[in-house]
Amino acid sequence: MLRKRAIAGGAFRAAVFAAVAAALHGCRLSGWFSWGEEPVLPPDNALFYETAGTGAAQSGGAGGKFRPDAAASAYREMAARFSYAIPSNGAPCSLQCTDFRLGRFARTGAGIWRWANEIREEYSACDIFLLPCQGTPELRIEKTVATATDSASGRKYAKDVPCKTSTWLVRRGVVYAVFSAGKPNIDEFPGLKDAIALQTSPRTCTLPPPAHVEMWQADGCAHKLPADETRYFFIAGPEGAIISETSNYHAENGVKHSLRGAAF
């Protein structure tokens, strides 16, 4: 297994790119995500962690200190393959990478490019980046009270924020959206069962039943959250995925994850 401590600098970046490239083109290995006759593995988790330390605030798992720079490099490599532009690290709206403090970024993580989150006008917009086979942890978003500063005027606002509702548009790749609302159909996606179980908590009783799975493609069709406080999460297909999200204001304190210890 390739480990970060054995490589550095350009060699490290090359290893990240190689891992993503391998996943993008499929691996004839025994994996937990099956796509037709091509089983696919996510990138090596060790590529995204410093293993010499004792952990860090960003990662609550055993993987060590999370490397957001390595994650960003992987997302940029994927975006380049998709011919999809994302900003440089110095841009005002930078790419934020997270392992949700779970220590298993290759399987549970995301990159977020949030270019708008305006509390005064109460709207938000972002792109969500997922590596091949990568998922987000199950969550629901409830109403809350948010305090934030308006980006244009600098004025501070404290507002009651309603349950967040979102609309998503897949820009690249394939996404499996899993909801607690809707007709249970998990048996139609047997290759996803292990991946889905990884993102949920048995306490939520989302799987099975009543897990409802939808396969979304980059076909120009928009998809909306079925109902307020619906539990949901995403899993990317074997090429990864890029999803655009529009919603009312995003208040982080309204986000409730099902998995113990999960946080952005």
C-alpha atoms as a PDB file:
ATOM      1  CA  MET A   1       0.000   0.000   0.000  1.00  0.00           C
ATOM      2  CA  LEU A   2       1.313   3.380  -0.969  1.00  0.00           C
ATOM      3  CA  ARG A   3       1.614   5.686   2.029  1.00  0.00           C
ATOM      4  CA  LYS A   4       2.180   9.414   2.117  1.00  0.00           C
ATOM      5  CA  ARG A   5       5.200   9.186   4.411  1.00  0.00           C
ATOM      6  CA  ALA A   6       7.079   7.312   1.683  1.00  0.00           C
ATOM      7  CA  ILE A   7       6.639  10.082  -0.895  1.00  0.00           C
ATOM      8  CA  ALA A   8       6.746  13.876  -0.946  1.00  0.00           C
ATOM      9  CA  GLY A   9       6.255  16.946  -3.088  1.00  0.00           C
ATOM     10  CA  GLY A  10       5.681  16.298  -6.761  1.00  0.00           C
ATOM     11  CA  ALA A  11       5.870  12.552  -6.257  1.00  0.00           C
ATOM     12  CA  PHE A  12       3.027  12.761  -3.755  1.00  0.00           C
ATOM     13  CA  ARG A  13       0.863  14.772  -6.128  1.00  0.00           C
ATOM     14  CA  ALA A  14       1.637  12.345  -8.927  1.00  0.00           C
ATOM     15  CA  ALA A  15       0.571   9.452  -6.718  1.00  0.00           C
ATOM     16  CA  VAL A  16      -2.741  11.154  -5.922  1.00  0.00           C
ATOM     17  CA  PHE A  17      -3.372  11.778  -9.609  1.00  0.00           C
ATOM     18  CA  ALA A  18      -2.468   8.201 -10.468  1.00  0.00           C
ATOM     19  CA  ALA A  19      -4.891   6.852  -7.877  1.00  0.00           C
ATOM     20  CA  VAL A  20      -7.704   9.010  -9.196  1.00  0.00           C
ATOM     21  CA  ALA A  21      -6.859   8.093 -12.785  1.00  0.00           C
ATOM     22  CA  ALA A  22      -6.981   4.402 -11.894  1.00  0.00           C
ATOM     23  CA  ALA A  23     -10.412   4.813 -10.347  1.00  0.00           C
ATOM     24  CA  LEU A  24     -11.615   6.892 -13.279  1.00  0.00           C
ATOM     25  CA  HIS A  25     -10.751   4.107 -15.691  1.00  0.00           C
ATOM     26  CA  GLY A  26     -11.890   1.243 -13.461  1.00  0.00           C
ATOM     27  CA  CYS A  27      -9.896  -1.399 -11.647  1.00  0.00           C
ATOM     28  CA  ARG A  28     -10.166  -5.137 -12.116  1.00  0.00           C
ATOM     29  CA  LEU A  29      -9.927  -5.618  -8.376  1.00  0.00           C
ATOM     30  CA  SER A  30     -12.313  -6.828  -5.731  1.00  0.00           C
ATOM     31  CA  GLY A  31     -14.130  -3.654  -4.705  1.00  0.00           C
ATOM     32  CA  TRP A  32     -17.228  -2.574  -2.809  1.00  0.00           C
ATOM     33  CA  PHE A  33     -18.739  -0.698  -5.733  1.00  0.00           C
ATOM     34  CA  SER A  34     -19.749  -2.710  -8.758  1.00  0.00           C
ATOM     35  CA  TRP A  35     -20.339  -1.015 -12.101  1.00  0.00           C
ATOM     36  CA  GLY A  36     -21.399  -3.631 -14.622  1.00  0.00           C
ATOM     37  CA  GLU A  37     -18.468  -5.956 -15.234  1.00  0.00           C
ATOM     38  CA  GLU A  38     -15.929  -3.401 -13.985  1.00  0.00           C
ATOM     39  CA  PRO A  39     -15.544  -3.434 -10.183  1.00  0.00           C
ATOM     40  CA  VAL A  40     -14.178  -0.067  -9.106  1.00  0.00           C
ATOM     41  CA  LEU A  41     -12.194   0.887  -6.024  1.00  0.00           C
ATOM     42  CA  PRO A  42     -12.000   4.368  -4.523  1.00  0.00           C
ATOM     43  CA  PRO A  43      -8.513   5.942  -4.351  1.00  0.00           C
ATOM     44  CA  ASP A  44      -6.157   4.766  -1.598  1.00  0.00           C
ATOM     45  CA  ASN A  45      -7.266   6.469   1.622  1.00  0.00           C
ATOM     46  CA  ALA A  46      -3.682   6.747   2.898  1.00  0.00           C
ATOM     47  CA  LEU A  47      -2.872   9.245   0.145  1.00  0.00           C
ATOM     48  CA  PHE A  48      -4.963  11.860   1.908  1.00  0.00           C
ATOM     49  CA  TYR A  49      -3.531  11.614   5.430  1.00  0.00           C
ATOM     50  CA  GLU A  50      -0.404  12.399   7.388  1.00  0.00           C
ATOM     51  CA  THR A  51       0.238   9.204   9.305  1.00  0.00           C
ATOM     52  CA  ALA A  52       3.120  10.433  11.470  1.00  0.00           C
ATOM     53  CA  GLY A  53       0.920  12.469  13.814  1.00  0.00           C
ATOM     54  CA  THR A  54      -1.708  11.519  16.326  1.00  0.00           C
ATOM     55  CA  GLY A  55      -4.677  12.834  14.418  1.00  0.00           C
ATOM     56  CA  ALA A  56      -6.112  16.315  13.979  1.00  0.00           C
ATOM     57  CA  ALA A  57      -9.219  18.333  14.593  1.00  0.00           C
ATOM     58  CA  GLN A  58     -10.281  17.847  10.962  1.00  0.00           C
ATOM     59  CA  SER A  59     -10.193  14.065  11.231  1.00  0.00           C
ATOM     60  CA  GLY A  60     -11.659  11.949  13.984  1.00  0.00           C
ATOM     61  CA  GLY A  61     -10.701   8.617  12.462  1.00  0.00           C
ATOM     62  CA  ALA A  62      -7.608   6.472  12.676  1.00  0.00           C
ATOM     63  CA  GLY A  63      -6.243   7.675   9.350  1.00  0.00           C
ATOM     64  CA  GLY A  64      -4.194  10.483  10.876  1.00  0.00           C
ATOM     65  CA  LYS A  65      -4.196  14.179   9.992  1.00  0.00           C
ATOM     66  CA  PHE A  66      -6.338  14.944   6.964  1.00  0.00           C
ATOM     67  CA  ARG A  67      -4.561  16.564   3.999  1.00  0.00           C
ATOM     68  CA  PRO A  68      -7.016  19.001   2.329  1.00  0.00           C
ATOM     69  CA  ASP A  69      -4.287  19.970  -0.165  1.00  0.00           C
ATOM     70  CA  ALA A  70      -4.093  16.374  -1.393  1.00  0.00           C
ATOM     71  CA  ALA A  71      -7.886  16.208  -1.587  1.00  0.00           C
ATOM     72  CA  ALA A  72      -8.015  19.450  -3.577  1.00  0.00           C
ATOM     73  CA  SER A  73      -5.386  18.127  -5.992  1.00  0.00           C
ATOM     74  CA  ALA A  74      -7.455  15.000  -6.573  1.00  0.00           C
ATOM     75  CA  TYR A  75     -10.606  17.020  -7.225  1.00  0.00           C
ATOM     76  CA  ARG A  76      -8.755  19.314  -9.618  1.00  0.00           C
ATOM     77  CA  GLU A  77      -7.404  16.329 -11.519  1.00  0.00           C
ATOM     78  CA  MET A  78     -10.899  14.915 -11.774  1.00  0.00           C
ATOM     79  CA  ALA A  79     -12.350  18.261 -12.858  1.00  0.00           C
ATOM     80  CA  ALA A  80      -9.669  18.598 -15.529  1.00  0.00           C
ATOM     81  CA  ARG A  81     -10.621  15.209 -16.929  1.00  0.00           C
ATOM     82  CA  PHE A  82     -14.215  16.424 -17.010  1.00  0.00           C
ATOM     83  CA  SER A  83     -13.144  19.744 -18.626  1.00  0.00           C
ATOM     84  CA  TYR A  84     -14.796  21.549 -15.723  1.00  0.00           C
ATOM     85  CA  ALA A  85     -13.238  24.739 -14.400  1.00  0.00           C
ATOM     86  CA  ILE A  86     -12.860  25.353 -10.669  1.00  0.00           C
ATOM     87  CA  PRO A  87     -11.076  28.314  -9.044  1.00  0.00           C
ATOM     88  CA  SER A  88      -7.475  28.380  -7.914  1.00  0.00           C
ATOM     89  CA  ASN A  89      -6.620  28.146  -4.223  1.00  0.00           C
ATOM     90  CA  GLY A  90      -6.258  31.909  -4.059  1.00  0.00           C
ATOM     91  CA  ALA A  91      -9.757  32.659  -5.368  1.00  0.00           C
ATOM     92  CA  PRO A  92     -12.237  34.443  -3.068  1.00  0.00           C
ATOM     93  CA  CYS A  93     -14.504  31.377  -3.194  1.00  0.00           C
ATOM     94  CA  SER A  94     -12.016  28.564  -2.702  1.00  0.00           C
ATOM     95  CA  LEU A  95     -12.524  24.818  -2.874  1.00  0.00           C
ATOM     96  CA  GLN A  96     -13.118  23.475   0.639  1.00  0.00           C
ATOM     97  CA  CYS A  97     -12.352  19.797   1.212  1.00  0.00           C
ATOM     98  CA  THR A  98     -13.558  17.689   4.115  1.00  0.00           C
ATOM     99  CA  ASP A  99     -13.465  14.116   5.350  1.00  0.00           C
ATOM    100  CA  PHE A 100     -16.356  14.946   7.698  1.00  0.00           C
ATOM    101  CA  ARG A 101     -13.948  14.141  10.566  1.00  0.00           C
ATOM    102  CA  LEU A 102     -14.403  10.423   9.940  1.00  0.00           C
ATOM    103  CA  GLY A 103     -10.873   9.612   8.762  1.00  0.00           C
ATOM    104  CA  ARG A 104     -11.912   7.779   5.576  1.00  0.00           C
ATOM    105  CA  PHE A 105     -11.855  10.500   2.945  1.00  0.00           C
ATOM    106  CA  ALA A 106     -11.611   8.142  -0.045  1.00  0.00           C
ATOM    107  CA  ARG A 107     -15.031   6.743   0.831  1.00  0.00           C
ATOM    108  CA  THR A 108     -16.662   9.545   2.824  1.00  0.00           C
ATOM    109  CA  GLY A 109     -15.732  13.085   1.854  1.00  0.00           C
ATOM    110  CA  ALA A 110     -16.474  15.977  -0.461  1.00  0.00           C
ATOM    111  CA  GLY A 111     -15.136  19.132  -2.022  1.00  0.00           C
ATOM    112  CA  ILE A 112     -17.386  22.193  -1.790  1.00  0.00           C
ATOM    113  CA  TRP A 113     -17.028  25.297  -3.936  1.00  0.00           C
ATOM    114  CA  ARG A 114     -19.631  27.613  -2.375  1.00  0.00           C
ATOM    115  CA  TRP A 115     -19.767  30.762  -4.451  1.00  0.00           C
ATOM    116  CA  ALA A 116     -22.781  32.285  -2.676  1.00  0.00           C
ATOM    117  CA  ASN A 117     -24.292  32.060   0.804  1.00  0.00           C
ATOM    118  CA  GLU A 118     -26.113  35.302   1.464  1.00  0.00           C
ATOM    119  CA  ILE A 119     -27.933  35.641   4.758  1.00  0.00           C
ATOM    120  CA  ARG A 120     -29.566  38.992   3.893  1.00  0.00           C
ATOM    121  CA  GLU A 121     -31.169  37.691   0.695  1.00  0.00           C
ATOM    122  CA  GLU A 122     -31.390  34.149   2.078  1.00  0.00           C
ATOM    123  CA  TYR A 123     -29.989  32.104  -0.794  1.00  0.00           C
ATOM    124  CA  SER A 124     -27.020  29.815  -1.369  1.00  0.00           C
ATOM    125  CA  ALA A 125     -25.266  28.156  -4.310  1.00  0.00           C
ATOM    126  CA  CYS A 126     -22.362  25.731  -4.557  1.00  0.00           C
ATOM    127  CA  ASP A 127     -20.753  22.904  -6.493  1.00  0.00           C
ATOM    128  CA  ILE A 128     -20.190  19.551  -4.786  1.00  0.00           C
ATOM    129  CA  PHE A 129     -17.230  17.436  -5.943  1.00  0.00           C
ATOM    130  CA  LEU A 130     -17.084  13.690  -5.306  1.00  0.00           C
ATOM    131  CA  LEU A 131     -14.232  11.366  -6.279  1.00  0.00           C
ATOM    132  CA  PRO A 132     -14.993   7.967  -7.853  1.00  0.00           C
ATOM    133  CA  CYS A 133     -17.215   5.939  -5.501  1.00  0.00           C
ATOM    134  CA  GLN A 134     -16.987   8.628  -2.815  1.00  0.00           C
ATOM    135  CA  GLY A 135     -20.062   9.379  -0.722  1.00  0.00           C
ATOM    136  CA  THR A 136     -21.310  11.997   1.707  1.00  0.00           C
ATOM    137  CA  PRO A 137     -22.568  11.007   5.171  1.00  0.00           C
ATOM    138  CA  GLU A 138     -26.313  10.891   5.721  1.00  0.00           C
ATOM    139  CA  LEU A 139     -27.789  14.166   6.985  1.00  0.00           C
ATOM    140  CA  ARG A 140     -30.937  16.162   7.395  1.00  0.00           C
ATOM    141  CA  ILE A 141     -31.206  19.936   7.674  1.00  0.00           C
ATOM    142  CA  GLU A 142     -33.612  21.469  10.175  1.00  0.00           C
ATOM    143  CA  LYS A 143     -34.743  25.012  10.867  1.00  0.00           C
ATOM    144  CA  THR A 144     -32.447  27.037  13.071  1.00  0.00           C
ATOM    145  CA  VAL A 145     -31.321  30.530  14.035  1.00  0.00           C
ATOM    146  CA  ALA A 146     -28.270  31.747  12.131  1.00  0.00           C
ATOM    147  CA  THR A 147     -25.974  34.687  12.770  1.00  0.00           C
ATOM    148  CA  ALA A 148     -23.737  35.849   9.934  1.00  0.00           C
ATOM    149  CA  THR A 149     -22.283  38.902   8.215  1.00  0.00           C
ATOM    150  CA  ASP A 150     -23.575  40.081   4.859  1.00  0.00           C
ATOM    151  CA  SER A 151     -20.763  39.767   2.329  1.00  0.00           C
ATOM    152  CA  ALA A 152     -21.522  43.073   0.577  1.00  0.00           C
ATOM    153  CA  SER A 153     -22.443  45.505   3.362  1.00  0.00           C
ATOM    154  CA  GLY A 154     -20.586  43.947   6.284  1.00  0.00           C
ATOM    155  CA  ARG A 155     -23.747  44.195   8.355  1.00  0.00           C
ATOM    156  CA  LYS A 156     -24.418  41.426  10.864  1.00  0.00           C
ATOM    157  CA  TYR A 157     -27.734  39.564  10.699  1.00  0.00           C
ATOM    158  CA  ALA A 158     -29.455  37.138  13.037  1.00  0.00           C
ATOM    159  CA  LYS A 159     -32.291  35.313  11.311  1.00  0.00           C
ATOM    160  CA  ASP A 160     -34.662  32.430  11.714  1.00  0.00           C
ATOM    161  CA  VAL A 161     -33.652  30.062   8.926  1.00  0.00           C
ATOM    162  CA  PRO A 162     -36.328  27.627   7.687  1.00  0.00           C
ATOM    163  CA  CYS A 163     -35.642  24.002   6.839  1.00  0.00           C
ATOM    164  CA  LYS A 164     -33.204  24.051   3.975  1.00  0.00           C
ATOM    165  CA  THR A 165     -34.549  22.818   0.673  1.00  0.00           C
ATOM    166  CA  SER A 166     -32.226  22.247  -2.256  1.00  0.00           C
ATOM    167  CA  THR A 167     -32.328  21.670  -5.969  1.00  0.00           C
ATOM    168  CA  TRP A 168     -29.474  19.775  -7.603  1.00  0.00           C
ATOM    169  CA  LEU A 169     -28.183  19.552 -11.161  1.00  0.00           C
ATOM    170  CA  VAL A 170     -25.528  16.989 -12.076  1.00  0.00           C
ATOM    171  CA  ARG A 171     -22.849  18.672 -14.168  1.00  0.00           C
ATOM    172  CA  ARG A 172     -20.553  15.712 -14.737  1.00  0.00           C
ATOM    173  CA  GLY A 173     -20.584  11.998 -13.970  1.00  0.00           C
ATOM    174  CA  VAL A 174     -23.280   9.923 -12.289  1.00  0.00           C
ATOM    175  CA  VAL A 175     -24.710  10.360  -8.789  1.00  0.00           C
ATOM    176  CA  TYR A 176     -26.761   7.988  -6.681  1.00  0.00           C
ATOM    177  CA  ALA A 177     -29.026  10.018  -4.377  1.00  0.00           C
ATOM    178  CA  VAL A 178     -30.370   8.127  -1.364  1.00  0.00           C
ATOM    179  CA  PHE A 179     -33.417   9.495   0.488  1.00  0.00           C
ATOM    180  CA  SER A 180     -35.401   8.474   3.551  1.00  0.00           C
ATOM    181  CA  ALA A 181     -38.544   9.616   1.694  1.00  0.00           C
ATOM    182  CA  GLY A 182     -39.922   7.828  -1.353  1.00  0.00           C
ATOM    183  CA  LYS A 183     -40.715   4.279  -2.420  1.00  0.00           C
ATOM    184  CA  PRO A 184     -38.156   1.815  -0.999  1.00  0.00           C
ATOM    185  CA  ASN A 185     -36.167   0.385  -3.904  1.00  0.00           C
ATOM    186  CA  ILE A 186     -32.751  -0.523  -2.507  1.00  0.00           C
ATOM    187  CA  ASP A 187     -33.053  -4.037  -3.950  1.00  0.00           C
ATOM    188  CA  GLU A 188     -32.815  -2.512  -7.424  1.00  0.00           C
ATOM    189  CA  PHE A 189     -29.265  -1.366  -6.598  1.00  0.00           C
ATOM    190  CA  PRO A 190     -27.560  -4.388  -4.975  1.00  0.00           C
ATOM    191  CA  GLY A 191     -24.091  -3.147  -5.923  1.00  0.00           C
ATOM    192  CA  LEU A 192     -24.626  -0.063  -3.767  1.00  0.00           C
ATOM    193  CA  LYS A 193     -25.682  -1.746  -0.528  1.00  0.00           C
ATOM    194  CA  ASP A 194     -22.253  -1.788   1.116  1.00  0.00           C
ATOM    195  CA  ALA A 195     -21.512   1.772   0.017  1.00  0.00           C
ATOM    196  CA  ILE A 196     -24.869   2.967   1.309  1.00  0.00           C
ATOM    197  CA  ALA A 197     -24.431   1.226   4.664  1.00  0.00           C
ATOM    198  CA  LEU A 198     -21.123   3.058   5.118  1.00  0.00           C
ATOM    199  CA  GLN A 199     -22.803   6.475   5.018  1.00  0.00           C
ATOM    200  CA  THR A 200     -25.679   5.744   7.411  1.00  0.00           C
ATOM    201  CA  SER A 201     -26.217   4.995  11.068  1.00  0.00           C
ATOM    202  CA  PRO A 202     -28.286   1.962  12.139  1.00  0.00           C
ATOM    203  CA  ARG A 203     -30.081   4.261  14.569  1.00  0.00           C
ATOM    204  CA  THR A 204     -31.760   6.155  11.716  1.00  0.00           C
ATOM    205  CA  CYS A 205     -33.274   2.972  10.256  1.00  0.00           C
ATOM    206  CA  THR A 206     -32.802   4.389   6.760  1.00  0.00           C
ATOM    207  CA  LEU A 207     -31.513   1.120   5.295  1.00  0.00           C
ATOM    208  CA  PRO A 208     -33.469  -1.070   4.646  1.00  0.00           C
ATOM    209  CA  PRO A 209     -36.283   0.110   4.478  1.00  0.00           C
ATOM    210  CA  PRO A 210     -37.187   2.837   3.553  1.00  0.00           C
ATOM    211  CA  ALA A 211     -34.164   3.808   1.458  1.00  0.00           C
ATOM    212  CA  HIS A 212     -35.178   5.302  -1.870  1.00  0.00           C
ATOM    213  CA  VAL A 213     -32.379   5.505  -4.454  1.00  0.00           C
ATOM    214  CA  GLU A 214     -32.319   7.622  -7.595  1.00  0.00           C
ATOM    215  CA  MET A 215     -29.619   7.560 -10.261  1.00  0.00           C
ATOM    216  CA  TRP A 216     -28.926  11.048 -11.603  1.00  0.00           C
ATOM    217  CA  GLN A 217     -26.946  11.804 -14.732  1.00  0.00           C
ATOM    218  CA  ALA A 218     -25.613  14.946 -16.394  1.00  0.00           C
ATOM    219  CA  ASP A 219     -28.696  15.225 -18.577  1.00  0.00           C
ATOM    220  CA  GLY A 220     -29.901  18.717 -17.671  1.00  0.00           C
ATOM    221  CA  CYS A 221     -32.658  17.472 -15.350  1.00  0.00           C
ATOM    222  CA  ALA A 222     -32.937  19.150 -11.950  1.00  0.00           C
ATOM    223  CA  HIS A 223     -33.823  17.251  -8.773  1.00  0.00           C
ATOM    224  CA  LYS A 224     -35.372  18.639  -5.588  1.00  0.00           C
ATOM    225  CA  LEU A 225     -35.313  17.501  -1.963  1.00  0.00           C
ATOM    226  CA  PRO A 226     -38.561  15.519  -1.543  1.00  0.00           C
ATOM    227  CA  ALA A 227     -39.651  17.095   1.761  1.00  0.00           C
ATOM    228  CA  ASP A 228     -38.371  19.147   4.696  1.00  0.00           C
ATOM    229  CA  GLU A 229     -35.900  17.334   6.946  1.00  0.00           C
ATOM    230  CA  THR A 230     -35.613  14.353   4.609  1.00  0.00           C
ATOM    231  CA  ARG A 231     -32.453  12.391   5.413  1.00  0.00           C
ATOM    232  CA  TYR A 232     -30.276  12.034   2.350  1.00  0.00           C
ATOM    233  CA  PHE A 233     -26.779  11.532   0.998  1.00  0.00           C
ATOM    234  CA  PHE A 234     -24.952  11.092  -2.301  1.00  0.00           C
ATOM    235  CA  ILE A 235     -22.637   8.440  -3.731  1.00  0.00           C
ATOM    236  CA  ALA A 236     -20.654   9.119  -6.892  1.00  0.00           C
ATOM    237  CA  GLY A 237     -20.380   6.678  -9.755  1.00  0.00           C
ATOM    238  CA  PRO A 238     -17.084   5.174 -10.957  1.00  0.00           C
ATOM    239  CA  GLU A 239     -15.935   8.366 -12.717  1.00  0.00           C
ATOM    240  CA  GLY A 240     -16.706  10.694  -9.834  1.00  0.00           C
ATOM    241  CA  ALA A 241     -19.276  13.466 -10.024  1.00  0.00           C
ATOM    242  CA  ILE A 242     -19.799  17.211  -9.921  1.00  0.00           C
ATOM    243  CA  ILE A 243     -23.178  18.497  -8.702  1.00  0.00           C
ATOM    244  CA  SER A 244     -24.484  22.076  -8.620  1.00  0.00           C
ATOM    245  CA  GLU A 245     -26.757  22.930  -5.688  1.00  0.00           C
ATOM    246  CA  THR A 246     -29.047  25.926  -5.196  1.00  0.00           C
ATOM    247  CA  SER A 247     -30.973  26.460  -1.970  1.00  0.00           C
ATOM    248  CA  ASN A 248     -32.127  28.872   0.662  1.00  0.00           C
ATOM    249  CA  TYR A 249     -29.471  30.081   3.110  1.00  0.00           C
ATOM    250  CA  HIS A 250     -27.133  27.361   4.342  1.00  0.00           C
ATOM    251  CA  ALA A 251     -26.664  27.474   8.127  1.00  0.00           C
ATOM    252  CA  GLU A 252     -24.126  24.913   9.281  1.00  0.00           C
ATOM    253  CA  ASN A 253     -25.708  24.649  12.745  1.00  0.00           C
ATOM    254  CA  GLY A 254     -28.870  23.331  11.108  1.00  0.00           C
ATOM    255  CA  VAL A 255     -27.073  20.337   9.606  1.00  0.00           C
ATOM    256  CA  LYS A 256     -27.630  17.128  11.561  1.00  0.00           C
ATOM    257  CA  HIS A 257     -25.548  14.090  10.570  1.00  0.00           C
ATOM    258  CA  SER A 258     -26.684  10.564  11.366  1.00  0.00           C
ATOM    259  CA  LEU A 259     -23.152   9.196  11.815  1.00  0.00           C
ATOM    260  CA  ARG A 260     -21.638   9.819  15.243  1.00  0.00           C
ATOM    261  CA  GLY A 261     -18.848  12.405  15.059  1.00  0.00           C
ATOM    262  CA  ALA A 262     -19.518  13.475  11.469  1.00  0.00           C
ATOM    263  CA  ALA A 263     -19.162  17.215  10.822  1.00  0.00           C
ATOM    264  CA  PHE A 264     -18.024  19.422   7.963  1.00  0.00           C
END
